Amino acid sequence: MKTIADKDLGMDCNFIARGETENEAIDKLKEHMETAHSEEMEKITSGKSEDQIKKEFRKYVKEE
């Protein structure tokens, strides 16, 4: 199981996304951040491609 926490991206929140793959966990985190932290998400992703965003988020994925 792969996990990624939005705290690792600077959010003041305890949400942890889980998935069978890195991409699944990242997609779940992005979905959460787009609804719960939309302004912060815009700052993090502004001007970046989907691949760049995933590459950046991938640094924070952990094996559970």
PDB file of N, CA and C in Angstrom:
ATOM      1  N   MET A   1       0.846  -1.178   0.000  1.00  0.00           N
ATOM      2  CA  MET A   1       0.000   0.000   0.000  1.00  0.00           C
ATOM      3  C   MET A   1       0.890   1.239   0.000  1.00  0.00           C
ATOM      4  N   LYS A   2       0.554   2.203  -0.833  1.00  0.00           N
ATOM      5  CA  LYS A   2       1.279   3.470  -0.925  1.00  0.00           C
ATOM      6  C   LYS A   2       0.464   4.545  -0.213  1.00  0.00           C
ATOM      7  N   THR A   3       1.157   5.453   0.472  1.00  0.00           N
ATOM      8  CA  THR A   3       0.479   6.546   1.163  1.00  0.00           C
ATOM      9  C   THR A   3       1.182   7.864   0.860  1.00  0.00           C
ATOM     10  N   ILE A   4       0.409   8.937   0.957  1.00  0.00           N
ATOM     11  CA  ILE A   4       0.958  10.288   0.850  1.00  0.00           C
ATOM     12  C   ILE A   4       0.064  11.194   1.692  1.00  0.00           C
ATOM     13  N   ALA A   5       0.699  11.994   2.537  1.00  0.00           N
ATOM     14  CA  ALA A   5      -0.029  12.879   3.442  1.00  0.00           C
ATOM     15  C   ALA A   5       0.038  14.310   2.944  1.00  0.00           C
ATOM     16  N   ASP A   6      -1.077  15.022   3.084  1.00  0.00           N
ATOM     17  CA  ASP A   6      -1.031  16.411   2.631  1.00  0.00           C
ATOM     18  C   ASP A   6      -0.196  17.277   3.568  1.00  0.00           C
ATOM     19  N   LYS A   7       0.064  16.820   4.782  1.00  0.00           N
ATOM     20  CA  LYS A   7       0.990  17.535   5.667  1.00  0.00           C
ATOM     21  C   LYS A   7       2.376  17.646   5.032  1.00  0.00           C
ATOM     22  N   ASP A   8       2.756  16.612   4.272  1.00  0.00           N
ATOM     23  CA  ASP A   8       4.060  16.626   3.611  1.00  0.00           C
ATOM     24  C   ASP A   8       4.157  17.732   2.565  1.00  0.00           C
ATOM     25  N   LEU A   9       3.004  18.206   2.117  1.00  0.00           N
ATOM     26  CA  LEU A   9       2.963  19.282   1.128  1.00  0.00           C
ATOM     27  C   LEU A   9       2.654  20.626   1.776  1.00  0.00           C
ATOM     28  N   GLY A  10       2.740  20.670   3.114  1.00  0.00           N
ATOM     29  CA  GLY A  10       2.573  21.929   3.824  1.00  0.00           C
ATOM     30  C   GLY A  10       1.173  22.248   4.302  1.00  0.00           C
ATOM     31  N   MET A  11       0.248  21.317   4.161  1.00  0.00           N
ATOM     32  CA  MET A  11      -1.116  21.562   4.603  1.00  0.00           C
ATOM     33  C   MET A  11      -1.238  21.305   6.111  1.00  0.00           C
ATOM     34  N   ASP A  12      -2.113  22.038   6.763  1.00  0.00           N
ATOM     35  CA  ASP A  12      -2.395  21.837   8.179  1.00  0.00           C
ATOM     36  C   ASP A  12      -3.627  20.939   8.290  1.00  0.00           C
ATOM     37  N   CYS A  13      -3.423  19.664   7.960  1.00  0.00           N
ATOM     38  CA  CYS A  13      -4.524  18.715   7.847  1.00  0.00           C
ATOM     39  C   CYS A  13      -3.953  17.313   8.053  1.00  0.00           C
ATOM     40  N   ASN A  14      -4.779  16.420   8.559  1.00  0.00           N
ATOM     41  CA  ASN A  14      -4.316  15.061   8.843  1.00  0.00           C
ATOM     42  C   ASN A  14      -4.687  14.050   7.758  1.00  0.00           C
ATOM     43  N   PHE A  15      -5.119  14.509   6.588  1.00  0.00           N
ATOM     44  CA  PHE A  15      -5.535  13.596   5.533  1.00  0.00           C
ATOM     45  C   PHE A  15      -4.346  12.808   4.993  1.00  0.00           C
ATOM     46  N   ILE A  16      -4.549  11.504   4.846  1.00  0.00           N
ATOM     47  CA  ILE A  16      -3.549  10.628   4.237  1.00  0.00           C
ATOM     48  C   ILE A  16      -4.242   9.844   3.130  1.00  0.00           C
ATOM     49  N   ALA A  17      -3.732   9.978   1.924  1.00  0.00           N
ATOM     50  CA  ALA A  17      -4.276   9.241   0.785  1.00  0.00           C
ATOM     51  C   ALA A  17      -3.580   7.891   0.695  1.00  0.00           C
ATOM     52  N   ARG A  18      -4.365   6.856   0.386  1.00  0.00           N
ATOM     53  CA  ARG A  18      -3.819   5.505   0.251  1.00  0.00           C
ATOM     54  C   ARG A  18      -4.229   4.928  -1.097  1.00  0.00           C
ATOM     55  N   GLY A  19      -3.312   4.153  -1.664  1.00  0.00           N
ATOM     56  CA  GLY A  19      -3.608   3.493  -2.923  1.00  0.00           C
ATOM     57  C   GLY A  19      -2.702   2.312  -3.135  1.00  0.00           C
ATOM     58  N   GLU A  20      -3.104   1.443  -4.033  1.00  0.00           N
ATOM     59  CA  GLU A  20      -2.281   0.282  -4.369  1.00  0.00           C
ATOM     60  C   GLU A  20      -1.030   0.692  -5.130  1.00  0.00           C
ATOM     61  N   THR A  21      -1.117   1.810  -5.860  1.00  0.00           N
ATOM     62  CA  THR A  21       0.022   2.312  -6.632  1.00  0.00           C
ATOM     63  C   THR A  21       0.305   3.762  -6.229  1.00  0.00           C
ATOM     64  N   GLU A  22       1.485   4.247  -6.593  1.00  0.00           N
ATOM     65  CA  GLU A  22       1.813   5.643  -6.337  1.00  0.00           C
ATOM     66  C   GLU A  22       0.804   6.573  -7.001  1.00  0.00           C
ATOM     67  N   ASN A  23       0.480   6.290  -8.256  1.00  0.00           N
ATOM     68  CA  ASN A  23      -0.454   7.145  -8.984  1.00  0.00           C
ATOM     69  C   ASN A  23      -1.824   7.176  -8.333  1.00  0.00           C
ATOM     70  N   GLU A  24      -2.289   6.045  -7.840  1.00  0.00           N
ATOM     71  CA  GLU A  24      -3.603   5.997  -7.183  1.00  0.00           C
ATOM     72  C   GLU A  24      -3.592   6.857  -5.917  1.00  0.00           C
ATOM     73  N   ALA A  25      -2.549   6.755  -5.116  1.00  0.00           N
ATOM     74  CA  ALA A  25      -2.448   7.561  -3.900  1.00  0.00           C
ATOM     75  C   ALA A  25      -2.352   9.045  -4.244  1.00  0.00           C
ATOM     76  N   ILE A  26      -1.555   9.386  -5.241  1.00  0.00           N
ATOM     77  CA  ILE A  26      -1.401  10.776  -5.655  1.00  0.00           C
ATOM     78  C   ILE A  26      -2.725  11.329  -6.167  1.00  0.00           C
ATOM     79  N   ASP A  27      -3.437  10.563  -6.973  1.00  0.00           N
ATOM     80  CA  ASP A  27      -4.727  11.021  -7.502  1.00  0.00           C
ATOM     81  C   ASP A  27      -5.724  11.280  -6.373  1.00  0.00           C
ATOM     82  N   LYS A  28      -5.731  10.422  -5.366  1.00  0.00           N
ATOM     83  CA  LYS A  28      -6.632  10.616  -4.221  1.00  0.00           C
ATOM     84  C   LYS A  28      -6.253  11.857  -3.430  1.00  0.00           C
ATOM     85  N   LEU A  29      -4.944  12.090  -3.272  1.00  0.00           N
ATOM     86  CA  LEU A  29      -4.500  13.292  -2.567  1.00  0.00           C
ATOM     87  C   LEU A  29      -4.880  14.536  -3.354  1.00  0.00           C
ATOM     88  N   LYS A  30      -4.656  14.522  -4.656  1.00  0.00           N
ATOM     89  CA  LYS A  30      -5.013  15.672  -5.487  1.00  0.00           C
ATOM     90  C   LYS A  30      -6.501  15.976  -5.387  1.00  0.00           C
ATOM     91  N   GLU A  31      -7.327  14.943  -5.425  1.00  0.00           N
ATOM     92  CA  GLU A  31      -8.780  15.132  -5.326  1.00  0.00           C
ATOM     93  C   GLU A  31      -9.133  15.793  -3.994  1.00  0.00           C
ATOM     94  N   HIS A  32      -8.527  15.304  -2.910  1.00  0.00           N
ATOM     95  CA  HIS A  32      -8.772  15.893  -1.589  1.00  0.00           C
ATOM     96  C   HIS A  32      -8.323  17.353  -1.562  1.00  0.00           C
ATOM     97  N   MET A  33      -7.127  17.604  -2.052  1.00  0.00           N
ATOM     98  CA  MET A  33      -6.586  18.964  -1.995  1.00  0.00           C
ATOM     99  C   MET A  33      -7.379  19.941  -2.859  1.00  0.00           C
ATOM    100  N   GLU A  34      -7.900  19.480  -3.981  1.00  0.00           N
ATOM    101  CA  GLU A  34      -8.679  20.352  -4.853  1.00  0.00           C
ATOM    102  C   GLU A  34      -9.968  20.802  -4.175  1.00  0.00           C
ATOM    103  N   THR A  35     -10.511  19.974  -3.296  1.00  0.00           N
ATOM    104  CA  THR A  35     -11.750  20.356  -2.611  1.00  0.00           C
ATOM    105  C   THR A  35     -11.488  21.008  -1.256  1.00  0.00           C
ATOM    106  N   ALA A  36     -10.523  20.504  -0.501  1.00  0.00           N
ATOM    107  CA  ALA A  36     -10.288  21.004   0.857  1.00  0.00           C
ATOM    108  C   ALA A  36      -9.253  22.130   0.924  1.00  0.00           C
ATOM    109  N   HIS A  37      -8.368  22.185  -0.037  1.00  0.00           N
ATOM    110  CA  HIS A  37      -7.273  23.161  -0.016  1.00  0.00           C
ATOM    111  C   HIS A  37      -7.070  23.771  -1.404  1.00  0.00           C
ATOM    112  N   SER A  38      -8.134  24.257  -1.995  1.00  0.00           N
ATOM    113  CA  SER A  38      -8.081  24.688  -3.396  1.00  0.00           C
ATOM    114  C   SER A  38      -7.075  25.818  -3.641  1.00  0.00           C
ATOM    115  N   GLU A  39      -6.999  26.801  -2.736  1.00  0.00           N
ATOM    116  CA  GLU A  39      -6.055  27.900  -2.945  1.00  0.00           C
ATOM    117  C   GLU A  39      -4.616  27.409  -2.886  1.00  0.00           C
ATOM    118  N   GLU A  40      -4.320  26.575  -1.902  1.00  0.00           N
ATOM    119  CA  GLU A  40      -2.973  26.039  -1.769  1.00  0.00           C
ATOM    120  C   GLU A  40      -2.624  25.150  -2.949  1.00  0.00           C
ATOM    121  N   MET A  41      -3.594  24.360  -3.400  1.00  0.00           N
ATOM    122  CA  MET A  41      -3.375  23.469  -4.535  1.00  0.00           C
ATOM    123  C   MET A  41      -3.052  24.294  -5.785  1.00  0.00           C
ATOM    124  N   GLU A  42      -3.743  25.398  -5.955  1.00  0.00           N
ATOM    125  CA  GLU A  42      -3.484  26.267  -7.112  1.00  0.00           C
ATOM    126  C   GLU A  42      -2.063  26.801  -7.065  1.00  0.00           C
ATOM    127  N   LYS A  43      -1.593  27.189  -5.881  1.00  0.00           N
ATOM    128  CA  LYS A  43      -0.224  27.695  -5.746  1.00  0.00           C
ATOM    129  C   LYS A  43       0.798  26.605  -6.071  1.00  0.00           C
ATOM    130  N   ILE A  44       0.546  25.395  -5.612  1.00  0.00           N
ATOM    131  CA  ILE A  44       1.476  24.283  -5.813  1.00  0.00           C
ATOM    132  C   ILE A  44       1.539  23.867  -7.279  1.00  0.00           C
ATOM    133  N   THR A  45       0.391  23.902  -7.969  1.00  0.00           N
ATOM    134  CA  THR A  45       0.317  23.342  -9.312  1.00  0.00           C
ATOM    135  C   THR A  45       0.348  24.372 -10.437  1.00  0.00           C
ATOM    136  N   SER A  46       0.273  25.627 -10.115  1.00  0.00           N
ATOM    137  CA  SER A  46       0.191  26.674 -11.130  1.00  0.00           C
ATOM    138  C   SER A  46       1.348  26.596 -12.129  1.00  0.00           C
ATOM    139  N   GLY A  47       0.987  26.513 -13.390  1.00  0.00           N
ATOM    140  CA  GLY A  47       1.968  26.502 -14.465  1.00  0.00           C
ATOM    141  C   GLY A  47       2.677  25.178 -14.679  1.00  0.00           C
ATOM    142  N   LYS A  48       2.251  24.140 -13.982  1.00  0.00           N
ATOM    143  CA  LYS A  48       2.907  22.834 -14.091  1.00  0.00           C
ATOM    144  C   LYS A  48       2.021  21.856 -14.839  1.00  0.00           C
ATOM    145  N   SER A  49       2.656  20.963 -15.569  1.00  0.00           N
ATOM    146  CA  SER A  49       1.914  19.911 -16.264  1.00  0.00           C
ATOM    147  C   SER A  49       1.532  18.815 -15.268  1.00  0.00           C
ATOM    148  N   GLU A  50       0.635  17.962 -15.678  1.00  0.00           N
ATOM    149  CA  GLU A  50       0.228  16.829 -14.844  1.00  0.00           C
ATOM    150  C   GLU A  50       1.430  15.957 -14.485  1.00  0.00           C
ATOM    151  N   ASP A  51       2.308  15.736 -15.433  1.00  0.00           N
ATOM    152  CA  ASP A  51       3.507  14.934 -15.174  1.00  0.00           C
ATOM    153  C   ASP A  51       4.424  15.609 -14.153  1.00  0.00           C
ATOM    154  N   GLN A  52       4.577  16.916 -14.243  1.00  0.00           N
ATOM    155  CA  GLN A  52       5.410  17.641 -13.293  1.00  0.00           C
ATOM    156  C   GLN A  52       4.828  17.575 -11.882  1.00  0.00           C
ATOM    157  N   ILE A  53       3.510  17.689 -11.794  1.00  0.00           N
ATOM    158  CA  ILE A  53       2.836  17.627 -10.492  1.00  0.00           C
ATOM    159  C   ILE A  53       3.041  16.254  -9.867  1.00  0.00           C
ATOM    160  N   LYS A  54       2.811  15.212 -10.647  1.00  0.00           N
ATOM    161  CA  LYS A  54       2.970  13.853 -10.123  1.00  0.00           C
ATOM    162  C   LYS A  54       4.413  13.585  -9.714  1.00  0.00           C
ATOM    163  N   LYS A  55       5.363  14.085 -10.499  1.00  0.00           N
ATOM    164  CA  LYS A  55       6.780  13.894 -10.170  1.00  0.00           C
ATOM    165  C   LYS A  55       7.098  14.569  -8.833  1.00  0.00           C
ATOM    166  N   GLU A  56       6.565  15.763  -8.633  1.00  0.00           N
ATOM    167  CA  GLU A  56       6.802  16.487  -7.386  1.00  0.00           C
ATOM    168  C   GLU A  56       6.143  15.771  -6.202  1.00  0.00           C
ATOM    169  N   PHE A  57       4.915  15.337  -6.374  1.00  0.00           N
ATOM    170  CA  PHE A  57       4.196  14.650  -5.297  1.00  0.00           C
ATOM    171  C   PHE A  57       4.830  13.293  -4.991  1.00  0.00           C
ATOM    172  N   ARG A  58       5.367  12.646  -6.009  1.00  0.00           N
ATOM    173  CA  ARG A  58       5.937  11.295  -5.853  1.00  0.00           C
ATOM    174  C   ARG A  58       7.050  11.270  -4.797  1.00  0.00           C
ATOM    175  N   LYS A  59       7.729  12.404  -4.592  1.00  0.00           N
ATOM    176  CA  LYS A  59       8.797  12.482  -3.594  1.00  0.00           C
ATOM    177  C   LYS A  59       8.289  12.160  -2.188  1.00  0.00           C
ATOM    178  N   TYR A  60       6.986  12.354  -1.970  1.00  0.00           N
ATOM    179  CA  TYR A  60       6.421  12.206  -0.632  1.00  0.00           C
ATOM    180  C   TYR A  60       5.675  10.885  -0.422  1.00  0.00           C
ATOM    181  N   VAL A  61       5.612  10.059  -1.443  1.00  0.00           N
ATOM    182  CA  VAL A  61       4.901   8.777  -1.329  1.00  0.00           C
ATOM    183  C   VAL A  61       5.724   7.820  -0.476  1.00  0.00           C
ATOM    184  N   LYS A  62       5.030   7.158   0.436  1.00  0.00           N
ATOM    185  CA  LYS A  62       5.685   6.175   1.320  1.00  0.00           C
ATOM    186  C   LYS A  62       5.033   4.817   1.151  1.00  0.00           C
ATOM    187  N   GLU A  63       5.774   3.805   1.495  1.00  0.00           N
ATOM    188  CA  GLU A  63       5.255   2.419   1.498  1.00  0.00           C
ATOM    189  C   GLU A  63       4.715   2.162   2.904  1.00  0.00           C
ATOM    190  N   GLU A  64       3.483   1.697   2.960  1.00  0.00           N
ATOM    191  CA  GLU A  64       2.874   1.403   4.263  1.00  0.00           C
ATOM    192  C   GLU A  64       3.023  -0.052   4.609  1.00  0.00           C
TER     193      GLU A  64
END
